[in-house]
C-alpha atoms as a PDB file:
ATOM      1  CA  MET A   1      -0.130   0.226   0.038  1.00  0.00           C
ATOM      2  CA  ARG A   2       0.529   3.459  -0.857  1.00  0.00           C
ATOM      3  CA  ARG A   3       2.350   5.365   2.420  1.00  0.00           C
ATOM      4  CA  LEU A   4       1.520   8.514   3.319  1.00  0.00           C
ATOM      5  CA  LEU A   5       3.610  10.775   5.134  1.00  0.00           C
ATOM      6  CA  VAL A   6       1.667  13.260   7.867  1.00  0.00           C
ATOM      7  CA  ILE A   7       2.007  16.278   5.695  1.00  0.00           C
ATOM      8  CA  GLY A   8      -0.101  14.918   3.498  1.00  0.00           C
ATOM      9  CA  LEU A   9      -3.417  14.626   6.348  1.00  0.00           C
ATOM     10  CA  LEU A  10      -1.831  18.273   7.489  1.00  0.00           C
ATOM     11  CA  SER A  11      -5.348  19.894   5.805  1.00  0.00           C
ATOM     12  CA  PHE A  12      -7.375  17.174   7.900  1.00  0.00           C
ATOM     13  CA  LEU A  13      -5.573  17.694  11.306  1.00  0.00           C
ATOM     14  CA  THR A  14      -5.339  20.780  11.497  1.00  0.00           C
ATOM     15  CA  ALA A  15      -9.223  21.269  10.594  1.00  0.00           C
ATOM     16  CA  CYS A  16      -9.855  18.506  13.738  1.00  0.00           C
ATOM     17  CA  SER A  17      -7.709  20.788  15.963  1.00  0.00           C
ATOM     18  CA  GLY A  18      -7.335  24.200  14.634  1.00  0.00           C
ATOM     19  CA  SER A  19      -4.045  23.526  15.440  1.00  0.00           C
ATOM     20  CA  HIS A  20      -1.078  22.359  13.535  1.00  0.00           C
ATOM     21  CA  TYR A  21       0.741  18.937  13.938  1.00  0.00           C
ATOM     22  CA  LEU A  22       3.962  18.640  12.187  1.00  0.00           C
ATOM     23  CA  SER A  23       7.433  19.977  12.597  1.00  0.00           C
ATOM     24  CA  LYS A  24      10.421  20.103  10.483  1.00  0.00           C
ATOM     25  CA  GLY A  25      12.396  16.860  11.448  1.00  0.00           C
ATOM     26  CA  ARG A  26       9.755  15.040  13.003  1.00  0.00           C
ATOM     27  CA  SER A  27       9.199  11.716  11.206  1.00  0.00           C
ATOM     28  CA  PHE A  28       5.335  10.310  11.164  1.00  0.00           C
ATOM     29  CA  GLN A  29       3.713   7.836   8.921  1.00  0.00           C
ATOM     30  CA  LEU A  30       0.450   6.635   8.357  1.00  0.00           C
ATOM     31  CA  THR A  31      -0.284   3.877   6.262  1.00  0.00           C
ATOM     32  CA  PRO A  32      -3.774   2.927   5.004  1.00  0.00           C
ATOM     33  CA  THR A  33      -4.614  -0.408   5.467  1.00  0.00           C
ATOM     34  CA  THR A  34      -7.566  -2.629   6.717  1.00  0.00           C
ATOM     35  CA  PHE A  35      -9.932  -3.682  10.076  1.00  0.00           C
ATOM     36  CA  SER A  36      -9.084  -7.355   9.195  1.00  0.00           C
ATOM     37  CA  SER A  37      -5.439  -6.798   9.349  1.00  0.00           C
ATOM     38  CA  LEU A  38      -6.126  -5.547  13.268  1.00  0.00           C
ATOM     39  CA  LYS A  39      -5.377  -8.062  16.098  1.00  0.00           C
ATOM     40  CA  GLY A  40      -8.748  -8.768  17.760  1.00  0.00           C
ATOM     41  CA  TRP A  41     -10.985  -6.501  15.246  1.00  0.00           C
ATOM     42  CA  LYS A  42     -13.781  -8.964  15.792  1.00  0.00           C
ATOM     43  CA  GLN A  43     -13.199  -9.763  19.211  1.00  0.00           C
ATOM     44  CA  ASP A  44     -12.799  -6.599  21.103  1.00  0.00           C
ATOM     45  CA  ASN A  45     -16.398  -5.843  22.840  1.00  0.00           C
ATOM     46  CA  LEU A  46     -16.766  -2.208  21.377  1.00  0.00           C
ATOM     47  CA  VAL A  47     -20.405  -1.575  22.985  1.00  0.00           C
ATOM     48  CA  ALA A  48     -17.615  -0.605  25.834  1.00  0.00           C
ATOM     49  CA  ALA A  49     -15.928   1.582  24.159  1.00  0.00           C
ATOM     50  CA  LEU A  50     -18.995   3.900  23.412  1.00  0.00           C
ATOM     51  CA  PRO A  51     -19.800   6.276  26.709  1.00  0.00           C
ATOM     52  CA  ALA A  52     -16.120   7.446  25.508  1.00  0.00           C
ATOM     53  CA  ILE A  53     -17.375   7.798  22.002  1.00  0.00           C
ATOM     54  CA  LYS A  54     -20.458   9.731  22.931  1.00  0.00           C
ATOM     55  CA  LYS A  55     -17.622  12.050  25.021  1.00  0.00           C
ATOM     56  CA  SER A  56     -15.769  13.108  22.209  1.00  0.00           C
ATOM     57  CA  CYS A  57     -18.728  13.182  19.512  1.00  0.00           C
ATOM     58  CA  ALA A  58     -20.819  15.534  21.789  1.00  0.00           C
ATOM     59  CA  THR A  59     -18.147  18.230  21.514  1.00  0.00           C
ATOM     60  CA  ASN A  60     -18.710  17.805  17.247  1.00  0.00           C
ATOM     61  CA  PRO A  61     -15.157  17.363  16.597  1.00  0.00           C
ATOM     62  CA  LYS A  62     -14.226  18.393  12.973  1.00  0.00           C
ATOM     63  CA  GLY A  63     -14.253  15.636  10.082  1.00  0.00           C
ATOM     64  CA  TYR A  64     -16.492  13.478  12.370  1.00  0.00           C
ATOM     65  CA  GLU A  65     -19.739  14.639  11.854  1.00  0.00           C
ATOM     66  CA  GLU A  66     -20.403  11.169   9.664  1.00  0.00           C
ATOM     67  CA  PHE A  67     -19.643   9.137  12.263  1.00  0.00           C
ATOM     68  CA  CYS A  68     -21.214  11.059  15.010  1.00  0.00           C
ATOM     69  CA  ARG A  69     -23.806  11.492  13.209  1.00  0.00           C
ATOM     70  CA  GLY A  70     -24.413   7.876  13.106  1.00  0.00           C
ATOM     71  CA  VAL A  71     -23.280   7.021  16.552  1.00  0.00           C
ATOM     72  CA  GLY A  72     -27.074   7.876  17.806  1.00  0.00           C
ATOM     73  CA  SER A  73     -28.453   4.883  15.770  1.00  0.00           C
ATOM     74  CA  VAL A  74     -25.774   2.152  17.228  1.00  0.00           C
ATOM     75  CA  HIS A  75     -27.690  -0.185  19.156  1.00  0.00           C
ATOM     76  CA  SER A  76     -25.218  -3.282  19.153  1.00  0.00           C
ATOM     77  CA  GLU A  77     -21.688  -4.184  18.321  1.00  0.00           C
ATOM     78  CA  SER A  78     -22.599  -5.015  15.319  1.00  0.00           C
ATOM     79  CA  ASP A  79     -24.167  -1.503  14.517  1.00  0.00           C
ATOM     80  CA  LEU A  80     -21.246   0.141  15.615  1.00  0.00           C
ATOM     81  CA  ARG A  81     -18.637  -2.179  13.406  1.00  0.00           C
ATOM     82  CA  SER A  82     -20.519  -1.645  10.260  1.00  0.00           C
ATOM     83  CA  LEU A  83     -20.960   2.227  11.294  1.00  0.00           C
ATOM     84  CA  ILE A  84     -17.036   2.030  11.690  1.00  0.00           C
ATOM     85  CA  GLU A  85     -15.951   0.547   8.861  1.00  0.00           C
ATOM     86  CA  GLY A  86     -18.487   2.551   6.934  1.00  0.00           C
ATOM     87  CA  THR A  87     -17.474   5.801   7.922  1.00  0.00           C
ATOM     88  CA  LEU A  88     -13.212   5.977   8.901  1.00  0.00           C
ATOM     89  CA  GLN A  89     -10.108   4.931   7.519  1.00  0.00           C
ATOM     90  CA  LEU A  90      -8.076   2.677   9.470  1.00  0.00           C
ATOM     91  CA  TYR A  91      -3.933   3.712   9.016  1.00  0.00           C
ATOM     92  CA  LYS A  92      -1.006   2.096  11.210  1.00  0.00           C
ATOM     93  CA  VAL A  93       1.328   4.634  12.693  1.00  0.00           C
ATOM     94  CA  THR A  94       4.951   4.800  12.354  1.00  0.00           C
ATOM     95  CA  SER A  95       7.422   7.230  14.441  1.00  0.00           C
ATOM     96  CA  ARG A  96      10.869   7.238  13.605  1.00  0.00           C
ATOM     97  CA  GLY A  97      11.055   3.962  11.210  1.00  0.00           C
ATOM     98  CA  SER A  98      10.052   2.119  14.072  1.00  0.00           C
ATOM     99  CA  ALA A  99       5.917   1.070  14.754  1.00  0.00           C
ATOM    100  CA  THR A 100       6.097   0.282  18.339  1.00  0.00           C
ATOM    101  CA  GLY A 101       6.375   2.483  20.966  1.00  0.00           C
ATOM    102  CA  LYS A 102       5.755   2.920  24.937  1.00  0.00           C
ATOM    103  CA  ILE A 103       2.389   2.332  26.577  1.00  0.00           C
ATOM    104  CA  THR A 104       2.436   3.083  30.338  1.00  0.00           C
ATOM    105  CA  GLY A 105      -0.752   3.598  32.511  1.00  0.00           C
ATOM    106  CA  TYR A 106      -2.405   5.917  34.844  1.00  0.00           C
ATOM    107  CA  TYR A 107      -5.300   5.974  36.935  1.00  0.00           C
ATOM    108  CA  GLU A 108      -7.536   8.366  39.176  1.00  0.00           C
ATOM    109  CA  ALA A 109      -5.713   8.951  42.676  1.00  0.00           C
ATOM    110  CA  GLU A 110      -7.554   8.072  45.703  1.00  0.00           C
ATOM    111  CA  LEU A 111      -6.487   9.732  48.954  1.00  0.00           C
ATOM    112  CA  THR A 112      -8.449  10.966  52.354  1.00  0.00           C
ATOM    113  CA  GLY A 113      -8.577  14.130  53.952  1.00  0.00           C
ATOM    114  CA  THR A 114     -10.738  16.425  55.139  1.00  0.00           C
ATOM    115  CA  ARG A 115     -12.620  19.932  53.444  1.00  0.00           C
ATOM    116  CA  HIS A 116     -11.308  21.709  56.612  1.00  0.00           C
ATOM    117  CA  HIS A 117      -8.129  21.894  58.229  1.00  0.00           C
ATOM    118  CA  GLU A 118      -8.184  19.531  61.089  1.00  0.00           C
ATOM    119  CA  ASN A 119      -4.632  18.577  62.221  1.00  0.00           C
ATOM    120  CA  GLY A 120      -1.150  19.577  61.784  1.00  0.00           C
ATOM    121  CA  ALA A 121       0.003  16.809  59.617  1.00  0.00           C
ATOM    122  CA  GLN A 122      -2.442  17.703  56.871  1.00  0.00           C
ATOM    123  CA  MET A 123      -1.154  19.291  53.792  1.00  0.00           C
ATOM    124  CA  PRO A 124      -3.330  21.520  51.935  1.00  0.00           C
ATOM    125  CA  ILE A 125      -4.211  21.395  48.428  1.00  0.00           C
ATOM    126  CA  TYR A 126      -4.436  24.234  46.597  1.00  0.00           C
ATOM    127  CA  GLY A 127      -6.786  25.609  43.614  1.00  0.00           C
ATOM    128  CA  ALA A 128      -5.653  27.622  41.019  1.00  0.00           C
ATOM    129  CA  PRO A 129      -3.703  30.777  42.288  1.00  0.00           C
ATOM    130  CA  SER A 130      -5.070  34.310  42.016  1.00  0.00           C
ATOM    131  CA  GLY A 131      -4.890  35.809  38.491  1.00  0.00           C
ATOM    132  CA  TYR A 132      -3.575  32.277  37.058  1.00  0.00           C
ATOM    133  CA  GLN A 133      -2.436  32.706  34.237  1.00  0.00           C
ATOM    134  CA  GLN A 134      -2.106  29.742  31.172  1.00  0.00           C
ATOM    135  CA  GLY A 135       2.163  29.430  31.074  1.00  0.00           C
ATOM    136  CA  LYS A 136       3.486  31.950  33.741  1.00  0.00           C
ATOM    137  CA  THR A 137       5.739  30.547  35.746  1.00  0.00           C
ATOM    138  CA  TYR A 138       4.803  29.964  39.267  1.00  0.00           C
ATOM    139  CA  ALA A 139       6.770  28.818  43.127  1.00  0.00           C
ATOM    140  CA  THR A 140       8.251  26.032  42.956  1.00  0.00           C
ATOM    141  CA  ARG A 141       7.027  22.244  44.898  1.00  0.00           C
ATOM    142  CA  LYS A 142       9.413  23.326  47.555  1.00  0.00           C
ATOM    143  CA  SER A 143       8.752  26.591  48.114  1.00  0.00           C
ATOM    144  CA  ILE A 144       4.917  26.633  47.589  1.00  0.00           C
ATOM    145  CA  GLU A 145       4.731  23.580  50.315  1.00  0.00           C
ATOM    146  CA  GLU A 146       7.515  25.087  52.694  1.00  0.00           C
ATOM    147  CA  ASN A 147       6.108  28.719  52.061  1.00  0.00           C
ATOM    148  CA  GLY A 148       2.361  28.606  50.522  1.00  0.00           C
ATOM    149  CA  ILE A 149       0.917  30.568  47.697  1.00  0.00           C
ATOM    150  CA  ASN A 150      -1.614  33.319  47.329  1.00  0.00           C
ATOM    151  CA  ALA A 151      -4.148  30.611  46.174  1.00  0.00           C
ATOM    152  CA  PRO A 152      -7.573  28.766  47.920  1.00  0.00           C
ATOM    153  CA  ILE A 153      -7.251  25.615  49.590  1.00  0.00           C
ATOM    154  CA  VAL A 154      -9.748  23.368  48.366  1.00  0.00           C
ATOM    155  CA  ALA A 155      -9.332  20.906  51.058  1.00  0.00           C
ATOM    156  CA  TRP A 156      -6.831  19.171  53.150  1.00  0.00           C
ATOM    157  CA  ALA A 157      -4.435  15.595  52.367  1.00  0.00           C
ATOM    158  CA  ASP A 158      -4.112  13.454  55.343  1.00  0.00           C
ATOM    159  CA  ASN A 159      -0.637  11.687  53.770  1.00  0.00           C
ATOM    160  CA  PRO A 160       2.196  13.581  51.533  1.00  0.00           C
ATOM    161  CA  VAL A 161       2.537  10.620  49.484  1.00  0.00           C
ATOM    162  CA  ASP A 162      -0.849   9.769  47.942  1.00  0.00           C
ATOM    163  CA  LEU A 163      -1.051  13.801  47.387  1.00  0.00           C
ATOM    164  CA  PHE A 164       2.288  14.129  45.439  1.00  0.00           C
ATOM    165  CA  ILE A 165       1.184  10.615  43.496  1.00  0.00           C
ATOM    166  CA  MET A 166      -2.133  12.713  42.887  1.00  0.00           C
ATOM    167  CA  HIS A 167       0.155  15.485  41.528  1.00  0.00           C
ATOM    168  CA  VAL A 168       1.438  13.166  39.318  1.00  0.00           C
ATOM    169  CA  GLN A 169      -2.160  11.212  37.923  1.00  0.00           C
ATOM    170  CA  GLY A 170      -3.237  15.398  37.771  1.00  0.00           C
ATOM    171  CA  SER A 171      -7.135  13.934  39.322  1.00  0.00           C
ATOM    172  CA  GLY A 172      -7.859  12.209  42.406  1.00  0.00           C
ATOM    173  CA  ARG A 173     -11.220  11.138  44.529  1.00  0.00           C
ATOM    174  CA  MET A 174     -10.424  12.062  48.183  1.00  0.00           C
ATOM    175  CA  VAL A 175     -12.529  10.052  50.768  1.00  0.00           C
ATOM    176  CA  THR A 176     -13.546  12.373  53.946  1.00  0.00           C
ATOM    177  CA  PRO A 177     -14.274  10.485  57.546  1.00  0.00           C
ATOM    178  CA  GLU A 178     -17.646  10.590  56.947  1.00  0.00           C
ATOM    179  CA  GLY A 179     -17.519   8.821  53.739  1.00  0.00           C
ATOM    180  CA  GLU A 180     -18.116  11.817  51.521  1.00  0.00           C
ATOM    181  CA  ILE A 181     -16.143  11.613  47.571  1.00  0.00           C
ATOM    182  CA  ILE A 182     -14.556  14.736  46.811  1.00  0.00           C
ATOM    183  CA  GLN A 183     -13.966  14.661  43.183  1.00  0.00           C
ATOM    184  CA  LEU A 184     -10.571  16.786  42.202  1.00  0.00           C
ATOM    185  CA  GLY A 185      -9.790  17.577  39.112  1.00  0.00           C
ATOM    186  CA  TYR A 186      -6.759  19.644  37.394  1.00  0.00           C
ATOM    187  CA  ALA A 187      -6.912  23.217  37.559  1.00  0.00           C
ATOM    188  CA  GLY A 188      -3.238  24.735  36.212  1.00  0.00           C
ATOM    189  CA  ASN A 189      -0.229  23.943  37.044  1.00  0.00           C
ATOM    190  CA  ASN A 190       3.440  26.394  37.895  1.00  0.00           C
ATOM    191  CA  GLY A 191       4.815  26.100  34.820  1.00  0.00           C
ATOM    192  CA  ARG A 192       8.115  24.424  36.276  1.00  0.00           C
ATOM    193  CA  THR A 193       8.942  21.185  35.181  1.00  0.00           C
ATOM    194  CA  PHE A 194       8.301  17.969  35.602  1.00  0.00           C
ATOM    195  CA  LYS A 195      10.627  15.033  36.801  1.00  0.00           C
ATOM    196  CA  GLY A 196       9.185  11.750  37.652  1.00  0.00           C
ATOM    197  CA  LEU A 197       9.779  10.301  40.914  1.00  0.00           C
ATOM    198  CA  GLY A 198      11.500   7.138  39.489  1.00  0.00           C
ATOM    199  CA  ALA A 199      13.870   9.437  37.880  1.00  0.00           C
ATOM    200  CA  ILE A 200      14.238  11.402  41.516  1.00  0.00           C
ATOM    201  CA  LEU A 201      14.683   7.970  43.482  1.00  0.00           C
ATOM    202  CA  LYS A 202      17.327   6.544  41.012  1.00  0.00           C
ATOM    203  CA  GLU A 203      19.437   9.775  41.495  1.00  0.00           C
ATOM    204  CA  ALA A 204      18.933   9.160  44.916  1.00  0.00           C
ATOM    205  CA  GLY A 205      20.641   5.723  44.605  1.00  0.00           C
ATOM    206  CA  VAL A 206      17.430   3.856  45.535  1.00  0.00           C
ATOM    207  CA  ASP A 207      17.255   0.407  43.940  1.00  0.00           C
ATOM    208  CA  PRO A 208      16.004   0.529  40.276  1.00  0.00           C
ATOM    209  CA  SER A 209      13.562  -2.137  40.723  1.00  0.00           C
ATOM    210  CA  ILE A 210      11.591  -0.010  43.251  1.00  0.00           C
ATOM    211  CA  ALA A 211      11.973   3.411  40.617  1.00  0.00           C
ATOM    212  CA  ASN A 212       9.975   1.441  37.933  1.00  0.00           C
ATOM    213  CA  SER A 213       7.287   0.826  40.090  1.00  0.00           C
ATOM    214  CA  MET A 214       4.898   3.360  41.454  1.00  0.00           C
ATOM    215  CA  PRO A 215       3.321   0.633  44.483  1.00  0.00           C
ATOM    216  CA  ARG A 216       6.771   0.413  45.470  1.00  0.00           C
ATOM    217  CA  ILE A 217       7.517   3.964  45.301  1.00  0.00           C
ATOM    218  CA  ARG A 218       4.741   4.563  47.653  1.00  0.00           C
ATOM    219  CA  GLU A 219       5.854   1.666  49.568  1.00  0.00           C
ATOM    220  CA  TRP A 220       9.166   3.453  50.204  1.00  0.00           C
ATOM    221  CA  CYS A 221       8.031   6.429  50.366  1.00  0.00           C
ATOM    222  CA  THR A 222       5.865   5.491  52.854  1.00  0.00           C
ATOM    223  CA  ASP A 223       8.427   3.614  55.105  1.00  0.00           C
ATOM    224  CA  HIS A 224      10.744   6.749  54.819  1.00  0.00           C
ATOM    225  CA  PRO A 225       8.820   9.738  55.108  1.00  0.00           C
ATOM    226  CA  ASN A 226      11.042  12.001  55.523  1.00  0.00           C
ATOM    227  CA  GLU A 227      13.669  11.644  52.826  1.00  0.00           C
ATOM    228  CA  ALA A 228      10.697  11.180  50.810  1.00  0.00           C
ATOM    229  CA  LEU A 229       9.236  14.436  51.200  1.00  0.00           C
ATOM    230  CA  LYS A 230      12.610  16.194  50.198  1.00  0.00           C
ATOM    231  CA  LEU A 231      12.958  14.232  46.936  1.00  0.00           C
ATOM    232  CA  MET A 232       9.748  14.440  46.402  1.00  0.00           C
ATOM    233  CA  ARG A 233      10.260  18.252  46.564  1.00  0.00           C
ATOM    234  CA  LYS A 234      12.862  17.755  44.171  1.00  0.00           C
ATOM    235  CA  ASN A 235      10.199  17.887  41.092  1.00  0.00           C
ATOM    236  CA  ASP A 236       9.482  21.431  40.241  1.00  0.00           C
ATOM    237  CA  ARG A 237       5.968  20.651  39.026  1.00  0.00           C
ATOM    238  CA  TYR A 238       3.177  21.469  41.068  1.00  0.00           C
ATOM    239  CA  ILE A 239      -0.237  21.192  40.363  1.00  0.00           C
ATOM    240  CA  PHE A 240      -3.289  22.802  41.396  1.00  0.00           C
ATOM    241  CA  PHE A 241      -6.995  21.343  42.042  1.00  0.00           C
ATOM    242  CA  LYS A 242     -10.332  22.225  41.344  1.00  0.00           C
ATOM    243  CA  GLU A 243     -13.781  20.301  42.597  1.00  0.00           C
ATOM    244  CA  LEU A 244     -15.700  19.021  39.736  1.00  0.00           C
ATOM    245  CA  ALA A 245     -19.531  18.981  40.292  1.00  0.00           C
ATOM    246  CA  GLY A 246     -19.911  15.956  37.406  1.00  0.00           C
ATOM    247  CA  GLU A 247     -18.525  13.239  36.578  1.00  0.00           C
ATOM    248  CA  GLY A 248     -14.889  12.713  36.263  1.00  0.00           C
ATOM    249  CA  PRO A 249     -11.828  12.837  36.111  1.00  0.00           C
ATOM    250  CA  ILE A 250     -11.229  15.245  32.959  1.00  0.00           C
ATOM    251  CA  GLY A 251      -9.117  14.692  30.589  1.00  0.00           C
ATOM    252  CA  SER A 252      -7.617  17.437  28.759  1.00  0.00           C
ATOM    253  CA  ALA A 253      -9.866  16.614  25.673  1.00  0.00           C
ATOM    254  CA  GLY A 254     -12.482  18.504  27.911  1.00  0.00           C
ATOM    255  CA  VAL A 255     -14.460  15.188  28.643  1.00  0.00           C
ATOM    256  CA  ALA A 256     -14.921  12.680  31.062  1.00  0.00           C
ATOM    257  CA  LEU A 257     -11.999  10.086  31.232  1.00  0.00           C
ATOM    258  CA  THR A 258     -13.661   6.515  30.550  1.00  0.00           C
ATOM    259  CA  PRO A 259     -11.484   3.437  32.347  1.00  0.00           C
ATOM    260  CA  ALA A 260      -9.815   0.637  29.414  1.00  0.00           C
ATOM    261  CA  ARG A 261     -11.312   3.706  26.878  1.00  0.00           C
ATOM    262  CA  SER A 262      -9.300   6.835  27.182  1.00  0.00           C
ATOM    263  CA  LEU A 263      -5.489   7.395  26.633  1.00  0.00           C
ATOM    264  CA  ALA A 264      -3.281  10.035  26.552  1.00  0.00           C
ATOM    265  CA  VAL A 265      -1.132  10.860  24.049  1.00  0.00           C
ATOM    266  CA  ASP A 266       0.609  13.237  22.410  1.00  0.00           C
ATOM    267  CA  THR A 267      -0.732  15.956  20.359  1.00  0.00           C
ATOM    268  CA  THR A 268       1.773  17.064  18.392  1.00  0.00           C
ATOM    269  CA  TYR A 269       1.065  13.974  16.259  1.00  0.00           C
ATOM    270  CA  ILE A 270      -2.665  12.699  17.331  1.00  0.00           C
ATOM    271  CA  PRO A 271      -5.350  15.429  17.944  1.00  0.00           C
ATOM    272  CA  MET A 272      -8.139  15.086  21.306  1.00  0.00           C
ATOM    273  CA  HIS A 273     -11.002  12.895  20.035  1.00  0.00           C
ATOM    274  CA  THR A 274      -9.470  10.752  17.844  1.00  0.00           C
ATOM    275  CA  PRO A 275     -10.388   6.990  17.631  1.00  0.00           C
ATOM    276  CA  MET A 276      -7.283   4.675  18.051  1.00  0.00           C
ATOM    277  CA  TRP A 277      -6.835   1.499  17.964  1.00  0.00           C
ATOM    278  CA  LEU A 278      -4.351   0.238  20.262  1.00  0.00           C
ATOM    279  CA  GLU A 279      -2.426  -3.480  20.567  1.00  0.00           C
ATOM    280  CA  THR A 280      -0.175  -4.181  23.194  1.00  0.00           C
ATOM    281  CA  THR A 281      -0.569  -6.116  26.557  1.00  0.00           C
ATOM    282  CA  ASN A 282      -0.773  -5.544  30.269  1.00  0.00           C
ATOM    283  CA  PRO A 283       1.647  -5.849  33.150  1.00  0.00           C
ATOM    284  CA  ASN A 284       0.768  -9.671  32.938  1.00  0.00           C
ATOM    285  CA  GLY A 285       1.325 -10.213  29.651  1.00  0.00           C
ATOM    286  CA  GLY A 286      -2.041 -10.485  28.878  1.00  0.00           C
ATOM    287  CA  ALA A 287      -3.275  -8.642  25.443  1.00  0.00           C
ATOM    288  CA  ILE A 288      -4.769  -5.634  24.760  1.00  0.00           C
ATOM    289  CA  ASN A 289      -6.522  -5.261  21.390  1.00  0.00           C
ATOM    290  CA  GLN A 290      -8.975  -2.454  21.197  1.00  0.00           C
ATOM    291  CA  LEU A 291     -10.501   0.313  20.274  1.00  0.00           C
ATOM    292  CA  MET A 292      -9.970   3.342  22.300  1.00  0.00           C
ATOM    293  CA  MET A 293      -9.918   7.459  22.103  1.00  0.00           C
ATOM    294  CA  ALA A 294      -7.910  10.301  22.665  1.00  0.00           C
ATOM    295  CA  GLN A 295      -8.874  12.137  25.079  1.00  0.00           C
ATOM    296  CA  ASP A 296      -5.940  13.282  27.351  1.00  0.00           C
ATOM    297  CA  THR A 297      -2.457  14.336  27.308  1.00  0.00           C
ATOM    298  CA  GLY A 298       0.943  14.208  30.341  1.00  0.00           C
ATOM    299  CA  ALA A 299       3.912  15.370  30.866  1.00  0.00           C
ATOM    300  CA  ALA A 300       5.463  12.427  30.240  1.00  0.00           C
ATOM    301  CA  ILE A 301       3.600  11.524  27.440  1.00  0.00           C
ATOM    302  CA  LYS A 302       5.687  12.566  24.461  1.00  0.00           C
ATOM    303  CA  GLY A 303       6.334  11.019  21.069  1.00  0.00           C
ATOM    304  CA  GLY A 304       4.674   9.570  17.945  1.00  0.00           C
ATOM    305  CA  ILE A 305       4.283   6.352  19.168  1.00  0.00           C
ATOM    306  CA  ARG A 306       3.388   7.289  23.032  1.00  0.00           C
ATOM    307  CA  ALA A 307       0.522   6.419  25.165  1.00  0.00           C
ATOM    308  CA  ASP A 308      -0.907   6.882  28.656  1.00  0.00           C
ATOM    309  CA  PHE A 309      -3.574   4.068  29.027  1.00  0.00           C
ATOM    310  CA  PHE A 310      -6.278   5.209  31.817  1.00  0.00           C
ATOM    311  CA  TRP A 311      -7.466   2.254  34.050  1.00  0.00           C
ATOM    312  CA  GLY A 312      -9.546   4.015  36.259  1.00  0.00           C
ATOM    313  CA  TYR A 313      -9.629   4.256  40.414  1.00  0.00           C
ATOM    314  CA  GLY A 314      -9.248   2.314  43.314  1.00  0.00           C
ATOM    315  CA  ALA A 315      -6.869  -0.544  44.359  1.00  0.00           C
ATOM    316  CA  ALA A 316      -6.909  -2.747  41.294  1.00  0.00           C
ATOM    317  CA  ALA A 317      -6.222   0.420  39.004  1.00  0.00           C
ATOM    318  CA  PHE A 318      -3.165   1.615  40.939  1.00  0.00           C
ATOM    319  CA  GLN A 319      -1.735  -1.805  41.079  1.00  0.00           C
ATOM    320  CA  THR A 320      -1.972  -2.454  37.080  1.00  0.00           C
ATOM    321  CA  ALA A 321      -1.339   1.232  36.585  1.00  0.00           C
ATOM    322  CA  GLY A 322       1.913   1.682  38.199  1.00  0.00           C
ATOM    323  CA  HIS A 323       3.014  -1.571  36.818  1.00  0.00           C
ATOM    324  CA  MET A 324       2.288  -0.835  33.175  1.00  0.00           C
ATOM    325  CA  ASN A 325       5.282   0.036  30.752  1.00  0.00           C
ATOM    326  CA  GLN A 326       4.800  -2.196  27.715  1.00  0.00           C
ATOM    327  CA  GLN A 327       5.800  -1.921  24.368  1.00  0.00           C
ATOM    328  CA  GLY A 328       2.837  -1.356  21.651  1.00  0.00           C
ATOM    329  CA  SER A 329       1.746  -0.237  18.748  1.00  0.00           C
ATOM    330  CA  TYR A 330      -1.221   2.092  17.396  1.00  0.00           C
ATOM    331  CA  TYR A 331      -3.683   2.796  14.411  1.00  0.00           C
ATOM    332  CA  LEU A 332      -5.257   6.610  13.874  1.00  0.00           C
ATOM    333  CA  LEU A 333      -8.951   6.232  12.408  1.00  0.00           C
ATOM    334  CA  LEU A 334      -9.789   9.114  10.410  1.00  0.00           C
ATOM    335  CA  PRO A 335     -12.644   9.990   8.447  1.00  0.00           C
ATOM    336  CA  LYS A 336     -13.047   8.638   4.517  1.00  0.00           C
ATOM    337  CA  LYS A 337     -14.339  12.076   3.522  1.00  0.00           C
END
């Protein structure tokens, strides 16, 4: 089949997002292919992806008008499969000469806390500072945690390690002693560079096998609270939060994420709301071959084939997401017209 450089689809990508998705020197190729070539195309429970699809279609993504109109008439898996095959063209992604890249996982953090300050061990969860401006540089994490910042306090967290993990994940669910669930979403950041705690721990001489697993990182930090606090403050990036009134968490695309069907991607290459077919494995080696939606981004998600798989919330999601560091490939589903 004829191989198409992304520049050949630049006008489409621009129409979808209002931004350019090609920079000089970047290699990102799309090769048209057929759905029969996909692993598990006939086995995937496509209807499980409908909630994610409908959320994206509700934003009226340009180019997908015909597909999204048809979504309203879908009543079965066969209906959705026929709609996809009839209105969308499948393209295999190759980046820098390779058809594979890194697929990691993330989840919605869970922590305990209160709406109001109850004890000296609690740490504030700040909202966006007064007069917040996207892209403006604010104080570092260390400075904010030691000196505070002119910003509203949304809630108070009991555990600094769980609070840090929520900063990494970008959203979370706080459970109060009364059993109330406070949904916390991303409200901005301090404009500082993100540095992963795994890399910080490695630099500090911590066992690399610990630094490569979020569950093991959490365990180590819990066992070494004073040292952990100092190391966590080496990540200058600080996230501001807001309380969400409705469904959450909200991804960068502005819609609530759907567990196991939402992907975080690099929008340099892939516009938000693009349907994608993912082929990878879970941390136990089980196959993941399924329809996904590009609905989020991440500070560490950079590259033509680089994605973060949203697992949902809870202990099982944390364990799976925290151990996920797989190789995988994916396809874009672009409008035929």
